[in-house]
Amino acid sequence: MRLRLVLWGSLLTLQVLATAFPPEAIAPAVAGSVYLPLMALRAVGLPVFGRAESGGWPGPSPLGWILVATFWAAVWWGVVSLAGRLARGPSGGSESKSA
């Protein structure tokens, strides 16, 4: 479980760093990783965008940032859980004994 938390924390840290300081080569993908979840949440009526200047894209609202962080935390947890399950193999790591 400790390894899972370390991997999860590492992936979240990389996501935060890429969002805060996006390398120019992957900047469109980083913007998509923020705006695509927000667009889906806006479609269901959540106020995830702040006010936009005329002709510009609105930035995420505080609620939007919280929901993006929650979304990516869940995605990376799923990735780490799946990797752990695949690494354990078909036995599942624990044998159940029947009485």
N, C-alpha and C. Protein backbone atom coordinates (compact mmCIF):
# COMPACT_ATOMS: atom_id res chain seq x y z
N MET A 1 0.83 -1.20 0.00
CA MET A 1 0.00 0.00 0.00
C MET A 1 0.87 1.26 0.00
N ARG A 2 2.02 1.18 0.68
CA ARG A 2 2.90 2.34 0.74
C ARG A 2 3.42 2.70 -0.65
N LEU A 3 3.81 1.69 -1.42
CA LEU A 3 4.29 1.93 -2.77
C LEU A 3 3.20 2.57 -3.62
N ARG A 4 1.97 2.11 -3.44
CA ARG A 4 0.84 2.68 -4.19
C ARG A 4 0.68 4.17 -3.87
N LEU A 5 0.80 4.53 -2.59
CA LEU A 5 0.67 5.94 -2.21
C LEU A 5 1.83 6.78 -2.76
N VAL A 6 3.03 6.23 -2.76
CA VAL A 6 4.19 6.96 -3.29
C VAL A 6 4.02 7.20 -4.79
N LEU A 7 3.61 6.16 -5.51
CA LEU A 7 3.39 6.32 -6.96
C LEU A 7 2.27 7.31 -7.24
N TRP A 8 1.19 7.21 -6.49
CA TRP A 8 0.06 8.12 -6.66
C TRP A 8 0.49 9.57 -6.39
N GLY A 9 1.21 9.77 -5.29
CA GLY A 9 1.70 11.11 -4.97
C GLY A 9 2.65 11.65 -6.03
N SER A 10 3.48 10.78 -6.58
CA SER A 10 4.41 11.20 -7.63
C SER A 10 3.66 11.63 -8.89
N LEU A 11 2.66 10.84 -9.29
CA LEU A 11 1.88 11.20 -10.47
C LEU A 11 1.10 12.50 -10.26
N LEU A 12 0.54 12.67 -9.07
CA LEU A 12 -0.17 13.93 -8.78
C LEU A 12 0.78 15.12 -8.79
N THR A 13 1.97 14.93 -8.24
CA THR A 13 2.96 16.01 -8.24
C THR A 13 3.35 16.39 -9.66
N LEU A 14 3.57 15.40 -10.51
CA LEU A 14 3.89 15.69 -11.91
C LEU A 14 2.74 16.42 -12.60
N GLN A 15 1.50 16.03 -12.30
CA GLN A 15 0.33 16.70 -12.89
C GLN A 15 0.27 18.16 -12.44
N VAL A 16 0.48 18.40 -11.15
CA VAL A 16 0.45 19.77 -10.63
C VAL A 16 1.57 20.60 -11.24
N LEU A 17 2.77 20.05 -11.32
CA LEU A 17 3.89 20.79 -11.90
C LEU A 17 3.66 21.08 -13.38
N ALA A 18 3.12 20.12 -14.11
CA ALA A 18 2.84 20.34 -15.53
C ALA A 18 1.75 21.39 -15.71
N THR A 19 0.80 21.45 -14.78
CA THR A 19 -0.26 22.45 -14.87
C THR A 19 0.25 23.84 -14.48
N ALA A 20 1.08 23.90 -13.44
CA ALA A 20 1.59 25.19 -12.98
C ALA A 20 2.68 25.75 -13.90
N PHE A 21 3.52 24.87 -14.42
CA PHE A 21 4.64 25.28 -15.28
C PHE A 21 4.66 24.42 -16.54
N PRO A 22 3.70 24.62 -17.44
CA PRO A 22 3.60 23.72 -18.59
C PRO A 22 4.76 23.90 -19.57
N PRO A 23 5.45 22.80 -19.91
CA PRO A 23 6.45 22.88 -20.97
C PRO A 23 5.76 23.22 -22.29
N GLU A 24 6.40 24.05 -23.08
CA GLU A 24 5.76 24.53 -24.30
C GLU A 24 5.37 23.40 -25.25
N ALA A 25 6.15 22.33 -25.25
CA ALA A 25 5.86 21.22 -26.17
C ALA A 25 4.55 20.52 -25.85
N ILE A 26 4.16 20.49 -24.57
CA ILE A 26 2.93 19.79 -24.20
C ILE A 26 1.86 20.73 -23.65
N ALA A 27 2.03 22.03 -23.84
CA ALA A 27 1.08 23.01 -23.30
C ALA A 27 -0.36 22.76 -23.76
N PRO A 28 -0.62 22.43 -25.03
CA PRO A 28 -2.01 22.16 -25.42
C PRO A 28 -2.61 20.96 -24.68
N ALA A 29 -1.82 19.93 -24.45
CA ALA A 29 -2.32 18.76 -23.72
C ALA A 29 -2.60 19.12 -22.26
N VAL A 30 -1.76 19.95 -21.68
CA VAL A 30 -1.97 20.38 -20.29
C VAL A 30 -3.25 21.21 -20.20
N ALA A 31 -3.44 22.12 -21.14
CA ALA A 31 -4.68 22.92 -21.14
C ALA A 31 -5.89 22.02 -21.31
N GLY A 32 -5.78 21.02 -22.16
CA GLY A 32 -6.88 20.07 -22.33
C GLY A 32 -7.16 19.29 -21.07
N SER A 33 -6.12 18.98 -20.31
CA SER A 33 -6.32 18.22 -19.08
C SER A 33 -7.06 19.03 -18.03
N VAL A 34 -7.06 20.34 -18.18
CA VAL A 34 -7.83 21.20 -17.27
C VAL A 34 -9.21 21.48 -17.85
N TYR A 35 -9.26 21.89 -19.11
CA TYR A 35 -10.53 22.35 -19.67
C TYR A 35 -11.50 21.24 -20.06
N LEU A 36 -11.02 20.08 -20.49
CA LEU A 36 -11.96 19.02 -20.89
C LEU A 36 -12.82 18.52 -19.73
N PRO A 37 -12.24 18.24 -18.55
CA PRO A 37 -13.12 17.87 -17.44
C PRO A 37 -14.07 19.00 -17.05
N LEU A 38 -13.58 20.24 -17.14
CA LEU A 38 -14.44 21.38 -16.77
C LEU A 38 -15.60 21.55 -17.74
N MET A 39 -15.35 21.32 -19.01
CA MET A 39 -16.44 21.45 -19.99
C MET A 39 -17.53 20.42 -19.74
N ALA A 40 -17.13 19.21 -19.37
CA ALA A 40 -18.13 18.18 -19.05
C ALA A 40 -18.91 18.57 -17.80
N LEU A 41 -18.23 19.11 -16.81
CA LEU A 41 -18.91 19.51 -15.58
C LEU A 41 -19.81 20.72 -15.80
N ARG A 42 -19.39 21.61 -16.69
CA ARG A 42 -20.23 22.77 -17.00
C ARG A 42 -21.50 22.33 -17.72
N ALA A 43 -21.40 21.28 -18.53
CA ALA A 43 -22.56 20.77 -19.26
C ALA A 43 -23.65 20.27 -18.32
N VAL A 44 -23.26 19.84 -17.12
CA VAL A 44 -24.27 19.40 -16.15
C VAL A 44 -24.70 20.54 -15.23
N GLY A 45 -24.21 21.74 -15.49
CA GLY A 45 -24.70 22.92 -14.79
C GLY A 45 -23.87 23.41 -13.62
N LEU A 46 -22.67 22.88 -13.42
CA LEU A 46 -21.84 23.36 -12.31
C LEU A 46 -21.10 24.64 -12.72
N PRO A 47 -20.99 25.61 -11.81
CA PRO A 47 -20.30 26.87 -12.13
C PRO A 47 -18.78 26.72 -12.00
N VAL A 48 -18.16 26.09 -12.98
CA VAL A 48 -16.74 25.76 -12.88
C VAL A 48 -15.83 26.79 -13.54
N PHE A 49 -16.39 27.76 -14.24
CA PHE A 49 -15.59 28.80 -14.88
C PHE A 49 -15.81 30.14 -14.20
N GLY A 50 -14.73 30.93 -14.12
CA GLY A 50 -14.83 32.29 -13.60
C GLY A 50 -15.27 33.22 -14.72
N ARG A 51 -15.22 34.50 -14.44
CA ARG A 51 -15.58 35.49 -15.47
C ARG A 51 -14.45 35.63 -16.47
N ALA A 52 -14.82 35.77 -17.74
CA ALA A 52 -13.81 35.91 -18.80
C ALA A 52 -13.79 37.35 -19.29
N GLU A 53 -12.60 37.79 -19.65
CA GLU A 53 -12.51 39.07 -20.32
C GLU A 53 -13.10 38.91 -21.71
N SER A 54 -13.52 40.01 -22.29
CA SER A 54 -14.15 39.96 -23.60
C SER A 54 -13.23 39.30 -24.62
N GLY A 55 -13.72 38.24 -25.24
CA GLY A 55 -12.96 37.56 -26.28
C GLY A 55 -11.96 36.54 -25.78
N GLY A 56 -11.91 36.31 -24.47
CA GLY A 56 -10.93 35.36 -23.94
C GLY A 56 -11.59 34.13 -23.33
N TRP A 57 -10.77 33.14 -23.05
CA TRP A 57 -11.26 31.94 -22.38
C TRP A 57 -11.36 32.23 -20.89
N PRO A 58 -12.43 31.81 -20.27
CA PRO A 58 -12.52 32.02 -18.82
C PRO A 58 -11.60 31.05 -18.09
N GLY A 59 -11.04 31.53 -17.00
CA GLY A 59 -10.24 30.64 -16.17
C GLY A 59 -11.15 29.82 -15.26
N PRO A 60 -10.64 28.75 -14.71
CA PRO A 60 -11.45 27.96 -13.79
C PRO A 60 -11.77 28.75 -12.52
N SER A 61 -12.95 28.54 -12.00
CA SER A 61 -13.34 29.13 -10.72
C SER A 61 -12.68 28.30 -9.61
N PRO A 62 -12.74 28.77 -8.36
CA PRO A 62 -12.20 27.94 -7.27
C PRO A 62 -12.84 26.54 -7.23
N LEU A 63 -14.15 26.47 -7.45
CA LEU A 63 -14.81 25.17 -7.52
C LEU A 63 -14.25 24.35 -8.68
N GLY A 64 -14.00 25.00 -9.81
CA GLY A 64 -13.44 24.31 -10.96
C GLY A 64 -12.09 23.70 -10.66
N TRP A 65 -11.22 24.46 -9.98
CA TRP A 65 -9.90 23.93 -9.64
C TRP A 65 -10.01 22.74 -8.69
N ILE A 66 -10.92 22.84 -7.73
CA ILE A 66 -11.11 21.73 -6.79
C ILE A 66 -11.58 20.48 -7.53
N LEU A 67 -12.53 20.65 -8.45
CA LEU A 67 -13.05 19.51 -9.19
C LEU A 67 -12.02 18.92 -10.15
N VAL A 68 -11.20 19.77 -10.77
CA VAL A 68 -10.13 19.26 -11.64
C VAL A 68 -9.12 18.46 -10.81
N ALA A 69 -8.75 18.99 -9.64
CA ALA A 69 -7.81 18.27 -8.78
C ALA A 69 -8.40 16.94 -8.33
N THR A 70 -9.67 16.93 -7.98
CA THR A 70 -10.33 15.69 -7.57
C THR A 70 -10.40 14.70 -8.72
N PHE A 71 -10.72 15.19 -9.90
CA PHE A 71 -10.80 14.33 -11.09
C PHE A 71 -9.46 13.65 -11.35
N TRP A 72 -8.38 14.44 -11.38
CA TRP A 72 -7.08 13.85 -11.68
C TRP A 72 -6.56 12.98 -10.55
N ALA A 73 -6.89 13.31 -9.31
CA ALA A 73 -6.52 12.43 -8.19
C ALA A 73 -7.18 11.06 -8.37
N ALA A 74 -8.45 11.05 -8.77
CA ALA A 74 -9.16 9.78 -8.99
C ALA A 74 -8.59 9.03 -10.19
N VAL A 75 -8.28 9.76 -11.26
CA VAL A 75 -7.70 9.10 -12.45
C VAL A 75 -6.37 8.45 -12.10
N TRP A 76 -5.48 9.18 -11.43
CA TRP A 76 -4.17 8.62 -11.11
C TRP A 76 -4.28 7.49 -10.09
N TRP A 77 -5.24 7.57 -9.16
CA TRP A 77 -5.46 6.47 -8.22
C TRP A 77 -5.88 5.21 -8.99
N GLY A 78 -6.75 5.39 -9.97
CA GLY A 78 -7.17 4.26 -10.80
C GLY A 78 -6.02 3.66 -11.58
N VAL A 79 -5.16 4.50 -12.12
CA VAL A 79 -3.99 4.01 -12.88
C VAL A 79 -3.07 3.21 -11.98
N VAL A 80 -2.78 3.74 -10.79
CA VAL A 80 -1.89 3.05 -9.86
C VAL A 80 -2.53 1.75 -9.37
N SER A 81 -3.82 1.77 -9.10
CA SER A 81 -4.51 0.55 -8.66
C SER A 81 -4.49 -0.52 -9.75
N LEU A 82 -4.73 -0.12 -10.98
CA LEU A 82 -4.70 -1.07 -12.09
C LEU A 82 -3.30 -1.63 -12.28
N ALA A 83 -2.28 -0.78 -12.20
CA ALA A 83 -0.90 -1.25 -12.33
C ALA A 83 -0.56 -2.23 -11.21
N GLY A 84 -1.01 -1.95 -10.01
CA GLY A 84 -0.77 -2.86 -8.89
C GLY A 84 -1.46 -4.19 -9.09
N ARG A 85 -2.68 -4.14 -9.58
CA ARG A 85 -3.43 -5.38 -9.83
C ARG A 85 -2.75 -6.21 -10.92
N LEU A 86 -2.29 -5.55 -11.97
CA LEU A 86 -1.60 -6.27 -13.05
C LEU A 86 -0.26 -6.84 -12.58
N ALA A 87 0.42 -6.12 -11.70
CA ALA A 87 1.72 -6.57 -11.20
C ALA A 87 1.58 -7.78 -10.28
N ARG A 88 0.47 -7.87 -9.56
CA ARG A 88 0.25 -9.01 -8.66
C ARG A 88 -0.02 -10.29 -9.42
N GLY A 89 -0.56 -10.18 -10.60
CA GLY A 89 -0.85 -11.37 -11.39
C GLY A 89 -2.23 -11.94 -11.10
N PRO A 90 -2.52 -13.10 -11.69
CA PRO A 90 -3.86 -13.66 -11.59
C PRO A 90 -4.24 -14.17 -10.20
N SER A 91 -3.26 -14.47 -9.34
CA SER A 91 -3.60 -15.01 -8.02
C SER A 91 -4.16 -13.94 -7.10
N GLY A 92 -3.90 -12.68 -7.38
CA GLY A 92 -4.44 -11.59 -6.56
C GLY A 92 -3.62 -11.30 -5.32
N GLY A 93 -2.55 -12.05 -5.09
CA GLY A 93 -1.67 -11.74 -3.97
C GLY A 93 -2.11 -12.34 -2.65
N SER A 94 -3.35 -12.75 -2.50
CA SER A 94 -3.79 -13.34 -1.24
C SER A 94 -4.64 -14.57 -1.55
N GLU A 95 -4.29 -15.63 -0.92
CA GLU A 95 -5.01 -16.89 -1.10
C GLU A 95 -6.09 -16.98 -0.04
N SER A 96 -7.29 -17.34 -0.41
CA SER A 96 -8.34 -17.54 0.58
C SER A 96 -8.45 -19.03 0.86
N LYS A 97 -8.49 -19.35 2.12
CA LYS A 97 -8.57 -20.75 2.52
C LYS A 97 -10.02 -21.09 2.81
N SER A 98 -10.49 -22.16 2.22
CA SER A 98 -11.86 -22.58 2.50
C SER A 98 -11.86 -23.61 3.61
N ALA A 99 -12.86 -23.56 4.45
CA ALA A 99 -12.93 -24.46 5.61
C ALA A 99 -13.41 -25.82 5.27
